[in-house]
Amino acid sequence: MPDPQEHFLDGPSLPTGVTRFWLVRHAIVEKTARQTMYGTLDVPLCPQHLSNQQPAYKALARRLPRQALWFSSPLQRARKTGLTIQKAGNFSAPMEIDPAFIEQSIGEWNGTPHDTFPALLKKPAPPFWSIAADERPPGGESMMDVRQRIGQALDNYAQQNTGQDMIVLSHGGAIRMALSHCLDIPVDTALRLCIQNLSLSIIEHIAGYWRVVAINELPDFQESAE
């Protein structure tokens, strides 16, 4: 088993041969959906943002490894984001769909307008998330459930694909829970992390240990599209 002490990063480049996940949050969804708690509703991306943010997709394509396995949540906002990055960088890898990387399901509360959503809650919401970590909406799942779901998926993929890069198109809540799992921190603490649209978070699995390399790294949205 390799020694984690041998994996100190002394430069900007990440070495190959490490079990590494590149977690990308999907792009901004269309305007009407943004007015609601869309949860696991299969809402589309915003066409205007998709067009205007092409430089960011190209920047992400350059940042991501060329030789990697690609995974996505089944929701179209994640898949479309991944396909747009692939097109921007001329990637040809297939994209495997895995429900383990989907956003928190809020069940019967999907589609509730933001202004009426708090009235549905039985517990106070934390400062930077809409639902308490242990509150499970009717027909849905708690964030603790999400952490267990995505943590198990990460552990399984790390064992199955040792030494490989894996790119995962996912969601803000799911990525927070991936970080909660890797850092072994409470769900409430992980919900204070900021995970923006089109941000990149990087985690590694080395000698049985999880390491976080980057959280909420944003691409350059302003660079030339040429």
C-alpha atoms as a PDB file:
ATOM      1  CA  MET A   1       0.000   0.000   0.000  1.00  0.00           C
ATOM      2  CA  PRO A   2       1.467   3.406  -0.957  1.00  0.00           C
ATOM      3  CA  ASP A   3       2.424   5.839   1.778  1.00  0.00           C
ATOM      4  CA  PRO A   4       0.262   9.015   1.829  1.00  0.00           C
ATOM      5  CA  GLN A   5       3.412  10.889   2.891  1.00  0.00           C
ATOM      6  CA  GLU A   6       4.774  10.296  -0.619  1.00  0.00           C
ATOM      7  CA  HIS A   7       1.964  12.292  -2.186  1.00  0.00           C
ATOM      8  CA  PHE A   8       2.733  15.836  -1.103  1.00  0.00           C
ATOM      9  CA  LEU A   9       1.970  18.321  -3.900  1.00  0.00           C
ATOM     10  CA  ASP A  10       4.934  20.598  -4.521  1.00  0.00           C
ATOM     11  CA  GLY A  11       3.795  22.164  -7.787  1.00  0.00           C
ATOM     12  CA  PRO A  12       0.714  23.182  -9.739  1.00  0.00           C
ATOM     13  CA  SER A  13       0.424  19.952 -11.726  1.00  0.00           C
ATOM     14  CA  LEU A  14      -1.392  16.922 -10.363  1.00  0.00           C
ATOM     15  CA  PRO A  15       0.444  13.626 -10.917  1.00  0.00           C
ATOM     16  CA  THR A  16      -1.083  10.827 -12.936  1.00  0.00           C
ATOM     17  CA  GLY A  17      -1.742   7.408 -11.484  1.00  0.00           C
ATOM     18  CA  VAL A  18      -3.732   8.747  -8.525  1.00  0.00           C
ATOM     19  CA  THR A  19      -7.361   7.795  -7.854  1.00  0.00           C
ATOM     20  CA  ARG A  20      -8.903  11.207  -8.392  1.00  0.00           C
ATOM     21  CA  PHE A  21     -12.421  12.591  -8.787  1.00  0.00           C
ATOM     22  CA  TRP A  22     -13.127  15.861 -10.575  1.00  0.00           C
ATOM     23  CA  LEU A  23     -16.545  16.974  -9.316  1.00  0.00           C
ATOM     24  CA  VAL A  24     -18.258  19.553 -11.537  1.00  0.00           C
ATOM     25  CA  ARG A  25     -21.505  21.246 -10.607  1.00  0.00           C
ATOM     26  CA  HIS A  26     -23.933  21.753 -13.487  1.00  0.00           C
ATOM     27  CA  ALA A  27     -24.515  25.147 -15.115  1.00  0.00           C
ATOM     28  CA  ILE A  28     -27.364  27.556 -14.325  1.00  0.00           C
ATOM     29  CA  VAL A  29     -30.859  26.257 -15.050  1.00  0.00           C
ATOM     30  CA  GLU A  30     -33.599  28.171 -16.850  1.00  0.00           C
ATOM     31  CA  LYS A  31     -35.238  31.174 -15.187  1.00  0.00           C
ATOM     32  CA  THR A  32     -38.638  29.696 -14.309  1.00  0.00           C
ATOM     33  CA  ALA A  33     -37.070  26.727 -12.517  1.00  0.00           C
ATOM     34  CA  ARG A  34     -34.832  29.045 -10.505  1.00  0.00           C
ATOM     35  CA  GLN A  35     -37.936  30.515  -8.873  1.00  0.00           C
ATOM     36  CA  THR A  36     -38.736  27.160  -7.261  1.00  0.00           C
ATOM     37  CA  MET A  37     -37.169  24.408  -5.217  1.00  0.00           C
ATOM     38  CA  TYR A  38     -36.543  22.245  -8.261  1.00  0.00           C
ATOM     39  CA  GLY A  39     -34.659  19.492  -6.422  1.00  0.00           C
ATOM     40  CA  THR A  40     -34.739  16.392  -8.613  1.00  0.00           C
ATOM     41  CA  LEU A  41     -37.098  17.838 -11.222  1.00  0.00           C
ATOM     42  CA  ASP A  42     -35.489  17.389 -14.627  1.00  0.00           C
ATOM     43  CA  VAL A  43     -35.274  21.079 -15.515  1.00  0.00           C
ATOM     44  CA  PRO A  44     -33.200  22.304 -18.502  1.00  0.00           C
ATOM     45  CA  LEU A  45     -30.221  24.623 -18.536  1.00  0.00           C
ATOM     46  CA  CYS A  46     -30.705  28.319 -19.213  1.00  0.00           C
ATOM     47  CA  PRO A  47     -30.100  28.837 -22.972  1.00  0.00           C
ATOM     48  CA  GLN A  48     -28.804  32.372 -22.465  1.00  0.00           C
ATOM     49  CA  HIS A  49     -26.245  31.366 -19.869  1.00  0.00           C
ATOM     50  CA  LEU A  50     -25.306  28.329 -21.932  1.00  0.00           C
ATOM     51  CA  SER A  51     -24.448  30.639 -24.824  1.00  0.00           C
ATOM     52  CA  ASN A  52     -22.783  33.408 -22.819  1.00  0.00           C
ATOM     53  CA  GLN A  53     -20.624  31.118 -20.723  1.00  0.00           C
ATOM     54  CA  GLN A  54     -18.923  29.218 -23.529  1.00  0.00           C
ATOM     55  CA  PRO A  55     -15.506  30.571 -22.433  1.00  0.00           C
ATOM     56  CA  ALA A  56     -16.009  28.873 -19.077  1.00  0.00           C
ATOM     57  CA  TYR A  57     -16.757  25.552 -20.758  1.00  0.00           C
ATOM     58  CA  LYS A  58     -13.545  25.843 -22.782  1.00  0.00           C
ATOM     59  CA  ALA A  59     -11.581  26.703 -19.646  1.00  0.00           C
ATOM     60  CA  LEU A  60     -13.034  23.685 -17.854  1.00  0.00           C
ATOM     61  CA  ALA A  61     -12.219  21.462 -20.821  1.00  0.00           C
ATOM     62  CA  ARG A  62      -8.569  22.534 -20.617  1.00  0.00           C
ATOM     63  CA  ARG A  63      -8.491  21.992 -16.846  1.00  0.00           C
ATOM     64  CA  LEU A  64      -9.898  18.462 -16.892  1.00  0.00           C
ATOM     65  CA  PRO A  65      -7.700  15.426 -17.645  1.00  0.00           C
ATOM     66  CA  ARG A  66      -7.784  14.028 -21.170  1.00  0.00           C
ATOM     67  CA  GLN A  67      -7.705  10.420 -20.051  1.00  0.00           C
ATOM     68  CA  ALA A  68     -10.584  10.028 -17.618  1.00  0.00           C
ATOM     69  CA  LEU A  69     -13.793   8.158 -17.006  1.00  0.00           C
ATOM     70  CA  TRP A  70     -16.908  10.342 -17.206  1.00  0.00           C
ATOM     71  CA  PHE A  71     -19.967  10.003 -14.972  1.00  0.00           C
ATOM     72  CA  SER A  72     -23.114  12.073 -14.639  1.00  0.00           C
ATOM     73  CA  SER A  73     -26.247  12.435 -12.626  1.00  0.00           C
ATOM     74  CA  PRO A  74     -29.258  11.331 -14.713  1.00  0.00           C
ATOM     75  CA  LEU A  75     -30.711  14.858 -14.700  1.00  0.00           C
ATOM     76  CA  GLN A  76     -30.352  16.705 -17.994  1.00  0.00           C
ATOM     77  CA  ARG A  77     -28.789  19.797 -16.413  1.00  0.00           C
ATOM     78  CA  ALA A  78     -25.799  17.688 -15.371  1.00  0.00           C
ATOM     79  CA  ARG A  79     -25.605  15.632 -18.576  1.00  0.00           C
ATOM     80  CA  LYS A  80     -25.900  18.714 -20.812  1.00  0.00           C
ATOM     81  CA  THR A  81     -23.180  20.479 -18.844  1.00  0.00           C
ATOM     82  CA  GLY A  82     -20.891  17.499 -19.307  1.00  0.00           C
ATOM     83  CA  LEU A  83     -21.642  17.160 -23.004  1.00  0.00           C
ATOM     84  CA  THR A  84     -21.004  20.879 -23.524  1.00  0.00           C
ATOM     85  CA  ILE A  85     -17.627  20.601 -21.793  1.00  0.00           C
ATOM     86  CA  GLN A  86     -16.782  17.578 -23.910  1.00  0.00           C
ATOM     87  CA  LYS A  87     -17.711  19.431 -27.085  1.00  0.00           C
ATOM     88  CA  ALA A  88     -15.639  22.453 -26.059  1.00  0.00           C
ATOM     89  CA  GLY A  89     -12.591  20.244 -25.510  1.00  0.00           C
ATOM     90  CA  ASN A  90     -13.163  17.621 -28.213  1.00  0.00           C
ATOM     91  CA  PHE A  91     -13.478  14.816 -25.682  1.00  0.00           C
ATOM     92  CA  SER A  92     -14.784  11.522 -27.016  1.00  0.00           C
ATOM     93  CA  ALA A  93     -15.187   9.504 -23.811  1.00  0.00           C
ATOM     94  CA  PRO A  94     -18.601   7.955 -23.121  1.00  0.00           C
ATOM     95  CA  MET A  95     -20.560   9.322 -20.179  1.00  0.00           C
ATOM     96  CA  GLU A  96     -21.961   6.796 -17.717  1.00  0.00           C
ATOM     97  CA  ILE A  97     -25.191   7.810 -15.975  1.00  0.00           C
ATOM     98  CA  ASP A  98     -25.357   6.997 -12.270  1.00  0.00           C
ATOM     99  CA  PRO A  99     -28.294   7.989 -10.015  1.00  0.00           C
ATOM    100  CA  ALA A 100     -25.898   8.011  -7.052  1.00  0.00           C
ATOM    101  CA  PHE A 101     -24.763  11.471  -8.162  1.00  0.00           C
ATOM    102  CA  ILE A 102     -28.239  13.030  -8.332  1.00  0.00           C
ATOM    103  CA  GLU A 103     -29.284  16.001  -6.194  1.00  0.00           C
ATOM    104  CA  GLN A 104     -31.152  15.649  -2.893  1.00  0.00           C
ATOM    105  CA  SER A 105     -34.678  14.445  -3.546  1.00  0.00           C
ATOM    106  CA  ILE A 106     -37.241  16.656  -1.828  1.00  0.00           C
ATOM    107  CA  GLY A 107     -40.053  14.361  -2.932  1.00  0.00           C
ATOM    108  CA  GLU A 108     -43.500  15.949  -2.756  1.00  0.00           C
ATOM    109  CA  TRP A 109     -41.927  19.359  -2.183  1.00  0.00           C
ATOM    110  CA  ASN A 110     -40.337  19.490  -5.647  1.00  0.00           C
ATOM    111  CA  GLY A 111     -41.434  22.611  -7.514  1.00  0.00           C
ATOM    112  CA  THR A 112     -42.462  24.593  -4.424  1.00  0.00           C
ATOM    113  CA  PRO A 113     -41.863  28.367  -4.814  1.00  0.00           C
ATOM    114  CA  HIS A 114     -39.058  29.694  -2.639  1.00  0.00           C
ATOM    115  CA  ASP A 115     -41.293  32.072  -0.716  1.00  0.00           C
ATOM    116  CA  THR A 116     -43.725  29.349   0.425  1.00  0.00           C
ATOM    117  CA  PHE A 117     -41.169  26.597   1.010  1.00  0.00           C
ATOM    118  CA  PRO A 118     -40.226  27.517   4.621  1.00  0.00           C
ATOM    119  CA  ALA A 119     -43.815  26.904   5.743  1.00  0.00           C
ATOM    120  CA  LEU A 120     -43.415  23.203   4.861  1.00  0.00           C
ATOM    121  CA  LEU A 121     -40.444  22.655   7.152  1.00  0.00           C
ATOM    122  CA  LYS A 122     -40.701  20.966  10.519  1.00  0.00           C
ATOM    123  CA  LYS A 123     -37.203  22.033  11.597  1.00  0.00           C
ATOM    124  CA  PRO A 124     -35.296  25.313  11.199  1.00  0.00           C
ATOM    125  CA  ALA A 125     -33.211  25.443   8.031  1.00  0.00           C
ATOM    126  CA  PRO A 126     -29.462  26.014   8.367  1.00  0.00           C
ATOM    127  CA  PRO A 127     -27.988  29.342   7.180  1.00  0.00           C
ATOM    128  CA  PHE A 128     -26.844  28.204   3.716  1.00  0.00           C
ATOM    129  CA  TRP A 129     -29.202  25.351   2.832  1.00  0.00           C
ATOM    130  CA  SER A 130     -32.971  25.149   2.594  1.00  0.00           C
ATOM    131  CA  ILE A 131     -33.573  22.049   4.743  1.00  0.00           C
ATOM    132  CA  ALA A 132     -32.133  20.803   8.031  1.00  0.00           C
ATOM    133  CA  ALA A 133     -29.591  18.018   7.558  1.00  0.00           C
ATOM    134  CA  ASP A 134     -31.800  15.406   9.200  1.00  0.00           C
ATOM    135  CA  GLU A 135     -35.185  16.510   7.827  1.00  0.00           C
ATOM    136  CA  ARG A 136     -36.587  14.111   5.253  1.00  0.00           C
ATOM    137  CA  PRO A 137     -39.290  15.605   2.993  1.00  0.00           C
ATOM    138  CA  PRO A 138     -42.286  13.357   2.274  1.00  0.00           C
ATOM    139  CA  GLY A 139     -41.262  10.986  -0.490  1.00  0.00           C
ATOM    140  CA  GLY A 140     -37.726  12.381  -0.435  1.00  0.00           C
ATOM    141  CA  GLU A 141     -34.423  12.052   1.405  1.00  0.00           C
ATOM    142  CA  SER A 142     -32.484  13.961   4.030  1.00  0.00           C
ATOM    143  CA  MET A 143     -29.018  15.345   3.384  1.00  0.00           C
ATOM    144  CA  MET A 144     -27.734  12.605   5.666  1.00  0.00           C
ATOM    145  CA  ASP A 145     -29.260  10.130   3.230  1.00  0.00           C
ATOM    146  CA  VAL A 146     -27.494  11.926   0.369  1.00  0.00           C
ATOM    147  CA  ARG A 147     -24.155  11.730   2.158  1.00  0.00           C
ATOM    148  CA  GLN A 148     -24.557   7.973   2.628  1.00  0.00           C
ATOM    149  CA  ARG A 149     -25.598   7.495  -1.004  1.00  0.00           C
ATOM    150  CA  ILE A 150     -22.810   9.464  -2.612  1.00  0.00           C
ATOM    151  CA  GLY A 151     -20.199   8.351  -0.086  1.00  0.00           C
ATOM    152  CA  GLN A 152     -20.856   4.718  -0.917  1.00  0.00           C
ATOM    153  CA  ALA A 153     -20.624   5.478  -4.638  1.00  0.00           C
ATOM    154  CA  LEU A 154     -17.291   7.261  -4.224  1.00  0.00           C
ATOM    155  CA  ASP A 155     -15.867   4.415  -2.147  1.00  0.00           C
ATOM    156  CA  ASN A 156     -16.998   1.861  -4.729  1.00  0.00           C
ATOM    157  CA  TYR A 157     -15.635   3.767  -7.722  1.00  0.00           C
ATOM    158  CA  ALA A 158     -12.352   4.408  -5.921  1.00  0.00           C
ATOM    159  CA  GLN A 159     -11.915   0.656  -5.429  1.00  0.00           C
ATOM    160  CA  GLN A 160     -13.020  -0.227  -8.963  1.00  0.00           C
ATOM    161  CA  ASN A 161     -10.895   2.390 -10.740  1.00  0.00           C
ATOM    162  CA  THR A 162      -7.725   2.641  -8.698  1.00  0.00           C
ATOM    163  CA  GLY A 163      -5.185   5.043 -10.176  1.00  0.00           C
ATOM    164  CA  GLN A 164      -7.619   6.617 -12.629  1.00  0.00           C
ATOM    165  CA  ASP A 165      -9.120  10.066 -13.075  1.00  0.00           C
ATOM    166  CA  MET A 166     -12.913  10.243 -12.898  1.00  0.00           C
ATOM    167  CA  ILE A 167     -14.974  13.279 -13.927  1.00  0.00           C
ATOM    168  CA  VAL A 168     -18.387  13.532 -12.264  1.00  0.00           C
ATOM    169  CA  LEU A 169     -21.136  15.939 -13.343  1.00  0.00           C
ATOM    170  CA  SER A 170     -23.311  16.494 -10.314  1.00  0.00           C
ATOM    171  CA  HIS A 171     -25.138  19.028  -8.131  1.00  0.00           C
ATOM    172  CA  GLY A 172     -24.479  21.511  -5.360  1.00  0.00           C
ATOM    173  CA  GLY A 173     -25.937  19.470  -2.522  1.00  0.00           C
ATOM    174  CA  ALA A 174     -24.470  16.193  -3.723  1.00  0.00           C
ATOM    175  CA  ILE A 175     -20.973  17.671  -4.046  1.00  0.00           C
ATOM    176  CA  ARG A 176     -21.218  19.134  -0.548  1.00  0.00           C
ATOM    177  CA  MET A 177     -22.070  15.663   0.720  1.00  0.00           C
ATOM    178  CA  ALA A 178     -19.168  14.138  -1.218  1.00  0.00           C
ATOM    179  CA  LEU A 179     -16.891  16.573   0.615  1.00  0.00           C
ATOM    180  CA  SER A 180     -18.582  15.774   3.930  1.00  0.00           C
ATOM    181  CA  HIS A 181     -17.810  12.108   3.318  1.00  0.00           C
ATOM    182  CA  CYS A 182     -14.210  12.677   2.281  1.00  0.00           C
ATOM    183  CA  LEU A 183     -13.383  15.100   5.084  1.00  0.00           C
ATOM    184  CA  ASP A 184     -15.393  13.091   7.622  1.00  0.00           C
ATOM    185  CA  ILE A 185     -17.151  16.256   8.793  1.00  0.00           C
ATOM    186  CA  PRO A 186     -20.764  16.672   9.927  1.00  0.00           C
ATOM    187  CA  VAL A 187     -23.387  17.309   7.278  1.00  0.00           C
ATOM    188  CA  ASP A 188     -24.232  20.658   8.894  1.00  0.00           C
ATOM    189  CA  THR A 189     -20.617  21.749   8.531  1.00  0.00           C
ATOM    190  CA  ALA A 190     -20.419  20.698   4.887  1.00  0.00           C
ATOM    191  CA  LEU A 191     -23.570  22.679   4.123  1.00  0.00           C
ATOM    192  CA  ARG A 192     -21.557  25.841   4.841  1.00  0.00           C
ATOM    193  CA  LEU A 193     -19.358  25.132   1.817  1.00  0.00           C
ATOM    194  CA  CYS A 194     -20.066  27.151  -1.313  1.00  0.00           C
ATOM    195  CA  ILE A 195     -20.427  25.103  -4.506  1.00  0.00           C
ATOM    196  CA  GLN A 196     -21.224  27.400  -7.429  1.00  0.00           C
ATOM    197  CA  ASN A 197     -22.479  26.558 -10.901  1.00  0.00           C
ATOM    198  CA  LEU A 198     -19.690  25.263 -13.155  1.00  0.00           C
ATOM    199  CA  SER A 199     -17.323  25.035 -10.194  1.00  0.00           C
ATOM    200  CA  LEU A 200     -14.786  22.249  -9.865  1.00  0.00           C
ATOM    201  CA  SER A 201     -13.920  20.363  -6.685  1.00  0.00           C
ATOM    202  CA  ILE A 202     -11.148  17.757  -6.687  1.00  0.00           C
ATOM    203  CA  ILE A 203     -10.789  14.837  -4.286  1.00  0.00           C
ATOM    204  CA  GLU A 204      -8.308  11.976  -4.167  1.00  0.00           C
ATOM    205  CA  HIS A 205      -8.262   8.522  -2.604  1.00  0.00           C
ATOM    206  CA  ILE A 206      -4.752   7.503  -1.576  1.00  0.00           C
ATOM    207  CA  ALA A 207      -3.792   4.470   0.520  1.00  0.00           C
ATOM    208  CA  GLY A 208      -7.274   4.244   2.014  1.00  0.00           C
ATOM    209  CA  TYR A 209      -7.458   7.948   2.843  1.00  0.00           C
ATOM    210  CA  TRP A 210      -9.477  10.709   1.214  1.00  0.00           C
ATOM    211  CA  ARG A 211      -7.811  14.035   0.430  1.00  0.00           C
ATOM    212  CA  VAL A 212      -9.436  17.229  -0.836  1.00  0.00           C
ATOM    213  CA  VAL A 213      -7.321  19.115  -3.372  1.00  0.00           C
ATOM    214  CA  ALA A 214      -9.748  21.879  -4.372  1.00  0.00           C
ATOM    215  CA  ILE A 215     -13.214  23.153  -3.475  1.00  0.00           C
ATOM    216  CA  ASN A 216     -15.366  25.448  -5.632  1.00  0.00           C
ATOM    217  CA  GLU A 217     -12.625  26.265  -8.140  1.00  0.00           C
ATOM    218  CA  LEU A 218     -14.202  28.473 -10.808  1.00  0.00           C
ATOM    219  CA  PRO A 219     -13.195  28.557 -14.476  1.00  0.00           C
ATOM    220  CA  ASP A 220     -12.415  31.814 -16.270  1.00  0.00           C
ATOM    221  CA  PHE A 221     -15.762  33.163 -17.463  1.00  0.00           C
ATOM    222  CA  GLN A 222     -14.242  36.167 -19.227  1.00  0.00           C
ATOM    223  CA  GLU A 223     -11.486  34.751 -21.401  1.00  0.00           C
ATOM    224  CA  SER A 224     -11.671  35.030 -25.160  1.00  0.00           C
ATOM    225  CA  ALA A 225     -14.008  32.512 -26.762  1.00  0.00           C
ATOM    226  CA  GLU A 226     -11.657  32.141 -29.719  1.00  0.00           C
END
